[in-house]
Amino acid sequence: MHLSILSTNVVRPAGRSLPGLLSLAILTAFAAPSTGTAQCPEEPQFQNFTGAGSTVCPCFVVGEEAGAVFNVPASHYPIEILKVGIGWGSQFGGAPQSQESAIKIYSSGLPNPGAPIFSLPGPIMNDGFINEFNLEPLPGTITVSSEFSVTLTFLNQNAGNIFAPSVVHDGNGCTPTRNLVFAIPGGWADACLLGVTGDWVFYVKYRQANCTATGVEEELFATNVPAALFSPSPNPFTSETRINFLLGSTEQVRLAVYDIRGRLVDTLADETFSAGRHSVSWTGADRTGAGSASGVYFLRMEAGDYRETKKLVLNR
């Protein structure tokens, strides 16, 4: 594993290599929690995080793994894991789909999660998206009763390739014991100790195994980041670009486009969004509906304490 974190600048902490990631993309927004009359009370949003963003880590070789350690509220266990989401991106955007080795679930965390209790082979990852995998229709129930881990195993080497897509982290502080990697050589390690500077963008959707509800069973959501804005895709673009973002909890979100002089061009969203994955688009129009000229623009996202800016290139 060769650690090379990409954001605006390339950072290369000395001497180690890092794990991998997979995903099959379902590009739909998260459903809001059920409002049925559940016998189990809804708990506050669970998340392990110290910051927000989306920093690419093209630092993995074949067979390595990257992932997050989850520990949902104790009153929820045992739980059935229904869906897994993984942030995937590249420094410049527009990378082709990537089929990785597997998504794995372990019934423990660091220092060694043990043998996987579930493996989904061959996930397809899409650049610039929080790729979601629906595990519920698959044979067997994925049940855990305590702290657990979700990882992506790499099939494609991306170490040292600044154009390659890979897993992303929030780039604003790494939470000890909540981010793991399987490195070759070296085995399991805390990602923070290997120089990773943020928390991997992973989430799970689950339900309580021993909880019954009147009507629709409640689906709960846990992530290890508060928010993440992904690079618009395609970028550069001619007629429309999609903007994908993740929220760890319900937030008032403002998404706005500015020109290179800092003048407001268009407001894409200024409203409350629920926890989960969301997507908006920009067609290059300004606030009047007229088309903007070709050039460089900047997308700004504000959600709670989270602030992130991405560059957009419009080619008419």
Protein backbone atom coordinates (compact mmCIF):
# COMPACT_ATOMS: atom_id res chain seq x y z
CA MET A 1 0.00 0.00 0.00
CA HIS A 2 1.41 3.37 -1.05
CA LEU A 3 -0.33 6.28 0.62
CA SER A 4 -1.00 9.16 -1.75
CA ILE A 5 -3.94 11.37 -0.79
CA LEU A 6 -5.35 13.67 -3.46
CA SER A 7 -7.32 16.79 -2.82
CA THR A 8 -6.17 20.15 -4.14
CA ASN A 9 -2.62 19.09 -3.40
CA VAL A 10 -0.94 15.69 -3.39
CA VAL A 11 0.28 14.53 0.02
CA ARG A 12 2.56 11.53 0.38
CA PRO A 13 3.17 10.41 3.97
CA ALA A 14 6.27 8.28 4.08
CA GLY A 15 6.48 4.64 3.40
CA ARG A 16 3.13 2.81 3.57
CA SER A 17 0.54 1.54 1.12
CA LEU A 18 -3.23 1.53 1.66
CA PRO A 19 -6.46 -0.53 1.17
CA GLY A 20 -9.20 -0.74 -1.41
CA LEU A 21 -12.91 -0.25 -2.15
CA LEU A 22 -15.85 -1.49 -4.21
CA SER A 23 -19.40 -0.62 -5.11
CA LEU A 24 -22.45 -1.19 -7.30
CA ALA A 25 -24.11 2.14 -8.03
CA ILE A 26 -27.75 2.79 -7.36
CA LEU A 27 -28.05 6.52 -7.98
CA THR A 28 -31.21 7.27 -6.07
CA ALA A 29 -31.64 9.53 -3.05
CA PHE A 30 -32.08 8.06 0.42
CA ALA A 31 -35.63 7.41 1.50
CA ALA A 32 -36.79 9.30 4.55
CA PRO A 33 -37.22 7.22 7.72
CA SER A 34 -40.57 5.50 8.04
CA THR A 35 -43.21 7.44 9.91
CA GLY A 36 -45.21 4.30 10.75
CA THR A 37 -46.12 3.54 14.36
CA ALA A 38 -42.98 1.68 15.39
CA GLN A 39 -42.66 -0.06 18.75
CA CYS A 40 -38.95 0.82 18.77
CA PRO A 41 -38.15 4.53 19.26
CA GLU A 42 -36.12 6.33 16.64
CA GLU A 43 -32.58 7.03 17.82
CA PRO A 44 -30.44 10.09 17.00
CA GLN A 45 -28.37 9.85 13.82
CA PHE A 46 -25.27 7.72 14.41
CA GLN A 47 -21.97 8.73 12.86
CA ASN A 48 -18.24 8.50 13.48
CA PHE A 49 -16.66 11.65 12.10
CA THR A 50 -14.36 14.58 12.74
CA GLY A 51 -14.88 16.60 9.57
CA ALA A 52 -16.25 16.69 6.06
CA GLY A 53 -15.15 16.78 2.43
CA SER A 54 -14.12 14.35 -0.26
CA THR A 55 -10.42 13.57 -0.63
CA VAL A 56 -9.32 10.88 -3.08
CA CYS A 57 -6.85 8.22 -1.96
CA PRO A 58 -5.29 6.47 -5.02
CA CYS A 59 -3.04 4.44 -2.76
CA PHE A 60 -4.15 0.81 -3.01
CA VAL A 61 -2.86 -2.32 -4.70
CA VAL A 62 -4.77 -5.46 -5.67
CA GLY A 63 -6.10 -7.35 -2.63
CA GLU A 64 -5.93 -4.46 -0.17
CA GLU A 65 -9.02 -3.25 1.68
CA ALA A 66 -10.34 0.04 3.06
CA GLY A 67 -13.33 0.44 5.29
CA ALA A 68 -15.11 1.82 8.33
CA VAL A 69 -15.84 0.44 11.77
CA PHE A 70 -19.42 1.02 12.96
CA ASN A 71 -20.92 0.85 16.43
CA VAL A 72 -24.60 1.82 16.39
CA PRO A 73 -26.54 2.59 19.61
CA ALA A 74 -26.41 -0.41 21.97
CA SER A 75 -30.20 -0.51 22.21
CA HIS A 76 -30.42 -1.30 18.48
CA TYR A 77 -28.46 -4.57 18.54
CA PRO A 78 -28.87 -7.09 17.07
CA ILE A 79 -29.31 -5.44 13.66
CA GLU A 80 -29.83 -6.63 10.09
CA ILE A 81 -27.68 -4.79 7.53
CA LEU A 82 -29.77 -3.89 4.48
CA LYS A 83 -27.61 -1.60 2.33
CA VAL A 84 -24.02 -0.42 2.14
CA GLY A 85 -22.86 2.88 0.64
CA ILE A 86 -19.30 3.74 -0.40
CA GLY A 87 -17.90 7.04 -1.62
CA TRP A 88 -15.88 6.69 -4.83
CA GLY A 89 -14.16 9.38 -6.84
CA SER A 90 -11.17 10.59 -8.80
CA GLN A 91 -9.16 13.80 -8.70
CA PHE A 92 -10.36 15.06 -12.08
CA GLY A 93 -13.68 13.22 -12.48
CA GLY A 94 -14.98 11.34 -15.49
CA ALA A 95 -13.16 8.06 -14.84
CA PRO A 96 -14.87 4.96 -16.31
CA GLN A 97 -16.73 2.45 -14.16
CA SER A 98 -14.48 0.21 -12.12
CA GLN A 99 -15.28 -3.35 -11.09
CA GLU A 100 -13.59 -4.10 -7.78
CA SER A 101 -13.11 -7.38 -5.95
CA ALA A 102 -15.71 -7.44 -3.15
CA ILE A 103 -17.58 -5.66 -0.41
CA LYS A 104 -17.04 -7.43 2.88
CA ILE A 105 -18.73 -7.26 6.27
CA TYR A 106 -16.94 -8.34 9.45
CA SER A 107 -18.46 -8.92 12.88
CA SER A 108 -15.70 -7.02 14.68
CA GLY A 109 -13.35 -4.05 14.34
CA LEU A 110 -9.69 -3.33 15.03
CA PRO A 111 -7.12 -4.62 15.74
CA ASN A 112 -8.30 -7.58 13.64
CA PRO A 113 -11.90 -7.97 12.41
CA GLY A 114 -11.42 -11.70 11.81
CA ALA A 115 -13.02 -13.59 8.92
CA PRO A 116 -15.75 -11.87 6.88
CA ILE A 117 -19.33 -12.94 7.62
CA PHE A 118 -20.51 -11.68 4.22
CA SER A 119 -18.95 -10.93 0.84
CA LEU A 120 -20.51 -9.35 -2.26
CA PRO A 121 -18.20 -10.05 -5.22
CA GLY A 122 -17.59 -7.81 -8.20
CA PRO A 123 -19.17 -4.48 -7.20
CA ILE A 124 -19.21 -1.81 -9.92
CA MET A 125 -18.04 1.62 -8.78
CA ASN A 126 -19.07 4.89 -10.44
CA ASP A 127 -16.81 7.93 -10.25
CA GLY A 128 -18.20 10.89 -8.32
CA PHE A 129 -20.97 8.96 -6.56
CA ILE A 130 -21.77 7.48 -3.21
CA ASN A 131 -22.38 4.02 -4.60
CA GLU A 132 -25.08 2.03 -2.82
CA PHE A 133 -25.50 -1.74 -2.71
CA ASN A 134 -28.81 -3.28 -1.75
CA LEU A 135 -28.02 -6.47 0.21
CA GLU A 136 -31.54 -7.21 1.39
CA PRO A 137 -32.65 -9.32 -1.62
CA LEU A 138 -29.58 -11.55 -1.36
CA PRO A 139 -29.86 -15.01 0.23
CA GLY A 140 -29.34 -15.05 3.99
CA THR A 141 -29.72 -12.37 6.65
CA ILE A 142 -26.67 -10.28 7.58
CA THR A 143 -27.01 -9.90 11.34
CA VAL A 144 -24.52 -8.43 13.80
CA SER A 145 -24.79 -8.02 17.56
CA SER A 146 -21.94 -5.63 18.30
CA GLU A 147 -19.33 -3.41 16.64
CA PHE A 148 -18.77 -4.37 12.98
CA SER A 149 -16.77 -3.35 9.92
CA VAL A 150 -17.56 -2.80 6.24
CA THR A 151 -14.73 -2.77 3.69
CA LEU A 152 -14.04 -2.67 -0.02
CA THR A 153 -11.43 -5.06 -1.46
CA PHE A 154 -9.59 -3.72 -4.52
CA LEU A 155 -9.34 -5.64 -7.76
CA ASN A 156 -7.60 -2.79 -9.60
CA GLN A 157 -4.39 -1.12 -8.52
CA ASN A 158 -4.65 2.67 -8.25
CA ALA A 159 -1.57 3.45 -6.13
CA GLY A 160 0.33 6.43 -7.51
CA ASN A 161 -2.07 7.04 -10.41
CA ILE A 162 -3.48 10.57 -10.01
CA PHE A 163 -6.15 9.87 -12.65
CA ALA A 164 -7.46 6.68 -11.04
CA PRO A 165 -10.67 6.56 -8.99
CA SER A 166 -10.56 5.20 -5.46
CA VAL A 167 -12.20 5.44 -2.08
CA VAL A 168 -12.55 8.91 -0.61
CA HIS A 169 -12.36 10.28 2.91
CA ASP A 170 -13.57 13.51 4.47
CA GLY A 171 -10.09 15.04 4.72
CA ASN A 172 -10.64 16.77 8.03
CA GLY A 173 -9.30 14.55 10.77
CA CYS A 174 -9.13 10.78 11.12
CA THR A 175 -11.05 9.18 14.01
CA PRO A 176 -8.82 6.54 15.71
CA THR A 177 -10.08 2.92 15.56
CA ARG A 178 -12.95 3.87 13.19
CA ASN A 179 -11.09 3.59 9.86
CA LEU A 180 -9.31 0.40 8.92
CA VAL A 181 -7.19 -0.86 6.08
CA PHE A 182 -5.77 -4.22 5.10
CA ALA A 183 -2.34 -3.42 3.69
CA ILE A 184 0.01 -5.60 1.64
CA PRO A 185 2.39 -6.13 3.36
CA GLY A 186 1.40 -5.39 6.93
CA GLY A 187 -2.13 -6.74 7.33
CA TRP A 188 -4.82 -4.94 9.34
CA ALA A 189 -4.08 -1.46 10.62
CA ASP A 190 -5.76 1.70 11.86
CA ALA A 191 -5.89 4.00 8.80
CA CYS A 192 -5.07 7.00 11.01
CA LEU A 193 -1.73 5.44 11.97
CA LEU A 194 -0.89 5.02 8.28
CA GLY A 195 -1.28 8.73 7.59
CA VAL A 196 -4.88 8.92 6.33
CA THR A 197 -6.11 12.40 7.25
CA GLY A 198 -9.88 11.81 7.31
CA ASP A 199 -12.67 9.29 7.75
CA TRP A 200 -13.62 7.00 4.85
CA VAL A 201 -17.02 7.88 3.36
CA PHE A 202 -19.04 4.74 4.15
CA TYR A 203 -22.58 4.24 5.42
CA VAL A 204 -24.97 1.43 6.28
CA LYS A 205 -28.75 1.24 6.32
CA TYR A 206 -30.13 -1.30 8.76
CA ARG A 207 -33.10 -2.38 10.85
CA GLN A 208 -33.34 -3.78 14.34
CA ALA A 209 -33.55 -7.56 14.14
CA ASN A 210 -35.81 -7.88 17.19
CA CYS A 211 -37.96 -4.85 16.50
CA THR A 212 -41.43 -5.04 14.96
CA ALA A 213 -43.40 -2.16 13.54
CA THR A 214 -47.00 -1.57 12.64
CA GLY A 215 -46.95 -1.16 8.87
CA VAL A 216 -43.54 -0.53 7.30
CA GLU A 217 -40.48 -1.48 9.34
CA GLU A 218 -38.22 1.45 10.13
CA GLU A 219 -34.96 1.64 8.19
CA LEU A 220 -32.14 3.32 10.12
CA PHE A 221 -29.06 5.04 8.76
CA ALA A 222 -25.49 5.23 10.09
CA THR A 223 -22.49 6.93 8.50
CA ASN A 224 -18.98 7.87 9.60
CA VAL A 225 -18.98 11.40 8.09
CA PRO A 226 -21.28 14.40 8.66
CA ALA A 227 -21.35 15.42 5.00
CA ALA A 228 -19.51 14.93 1.72
CA LEU A 229 -19.68 16.78 -1.60
CA PHE A 230 -18.49 14.86 -4.65
CA SER A 231 -16.91 16.27 -7.77
CA PRO A 232 -19.59 17.15 -10.37
CA SER A 233 -19.91 14.66 -13.24
CA PRO A 234 -19.32 15.13 -16.09
CA ASN A 235 -16.79 17.89 -15.62
CA PRO A 236 -16.03 19.66 -17.97
CA PHE A 237 -19.61 19.60 -19.30
CA THR A 238 -21.59 21.13 -22.14
CA SER A 239 -25.28 20.92 -21.22
CA GLU A 240 -25.71 19.40 -17.73
CA THR A 241 -23.65 18.15 -14.81
CA ARG A 242 -24.81 16.12 -11.79
CA ILE A 243 -23.82 17.07 -8.26
CA ASN A 244 -23.99 14.35 -5.60
CA PHE A 245 -23.69 14.83 -1.86
CA LEU A 246 -24.16 12.92 1.39
CA LEU A 247 -25.58 14.11 4.72
CA GLY A 248 -25.13 12.32 8.02
CA SER A 249 -28.16 14.09 9.52
CA THR A 250 -30.97 16.38 8.45
CA GLU A 251 -29.49 19.77 7.51
CA GLN A 252 -30.34 23.05 5.81
CA VAL A 253 -28.27 22.88 2.61
CA ARG A 254 -27.26 25.69 0.30
CA LEU A 255 -25.69 24.85 -3.06
CA ALA A 256 -24.66 27.82 -5.18
CA VAL A 257 -22.54 28.48 -8.29
CA TYR A 258 -20.15 31.45 -8.48
CA ASP A 259 -18.00 32.83 -11.28
CA ILE A 260 -14.24 33.39 -11.02
CA ARG A 261 -14.87 36.90 -9.62
CA GLY A 262 -16.93 35.50 -6.78
CA ARG A 263 -20.28 36.71 -8.13
CA LEU A 264 -23.34 34.52 -7.58
CA VAL A 265 -24.42 32.85 -10.84
CA ASP A 266 -27.14 30.46 -9.71
CA THR A 267 -28.57 28.91 -6.53
CA LEU A 268 -29.19 25.19 -7.04
CA ALA A 269 -30.64 24.43 -3.60
CA ASP A 270 -31.45 26.30 -0.40
CA GLU A 271 -33.63 23.98 1.64
CA THR A 272 -33.68 21.22 4.25
CA PHE A 273 -32.50 17.75 3.18
CA SER A 274 -32.82 14.54 5.19
CA ALA A 275 -29.88 12.30 6.11
CA GLY A 276 -28.68 10.28 3.14
CA ARG A 277 -27.63 10.61 -0.48
CA HIS A 278 -28.91 13.42 -2.69
CA SER A 279 -28.35 14.70 -6.20
CA VAL A 280 -29.00 17.97 -8.03
CA SER A 281 -28.00 19.20 -11.48
CA TRP A 282 -26.78 22.40 -13.12
CA THR A 283 -27.42 23.12 -16.80
CA GLY A 284 -25.15 26.16 -16.95
CA ALA A 285 -28.05 28.59 -16.57
CA ASP A 286 -27.83 31.73 -14.45
CA ARG A 287 -30.45 33.09 -12.05
CA THR A 288 -32.45 34.58 -14.92
CA GLY A 289 -32.55 31.31 -16.83
CA ALA A 290 -30.13 32.52 -19.48
CA GLY A 291 -27.16 30.36 -20.43
CA SER A 292 -23.81 31.15 -18.85
CA ALA A 293 -20.70 31.63 -20.96
CA SER A 294 -18.03 28.98 -21.24
CA GLY A 295 -15.48 29.16 -18.48
CA VAL A 296 -14.54 28.18 -14.95
CA TYR A 297 -17.10 28.31 -12.14
CA PHE A 298 -17.14 27.28 -8.50
CA LEU A 299 -19.76 25.20 -6.70
CA ARG A 300 -20.15 26.00 -2.99
CA MET A 301 -21.94 23.74 -0.50
CA GLU A 302 -22.92 24.83 3.01
CA ALA A 303 -24.60 22.43 5.44
CA GLY A 304 -24.38 23.08 9.17
CA ASP A 305 -20.67 23.52 9.94
CA TYR A 306 -19.68 21.91 6.65
CA ARG A 307 -18.20 24.02 3.83
CA GLU A 308 -16.84 22.67 0.55
CA THR A 309 -16.06 24.12 -2.88
CA LYS A 310 -15.62 22.28 -6.20
CA LYS A 311 -14.49 23.66 -9.56
CA LEU A 312 -16.78 23.41 -12.59
CA VAL A 313 -15.74 23.86 -16.22
CA LEU A 314 -18.48 24.77 -18.72
CA ASN A 315 -17.72 24.25 -22.41
CA ARG A 316 -20.45 25.60 -24.65
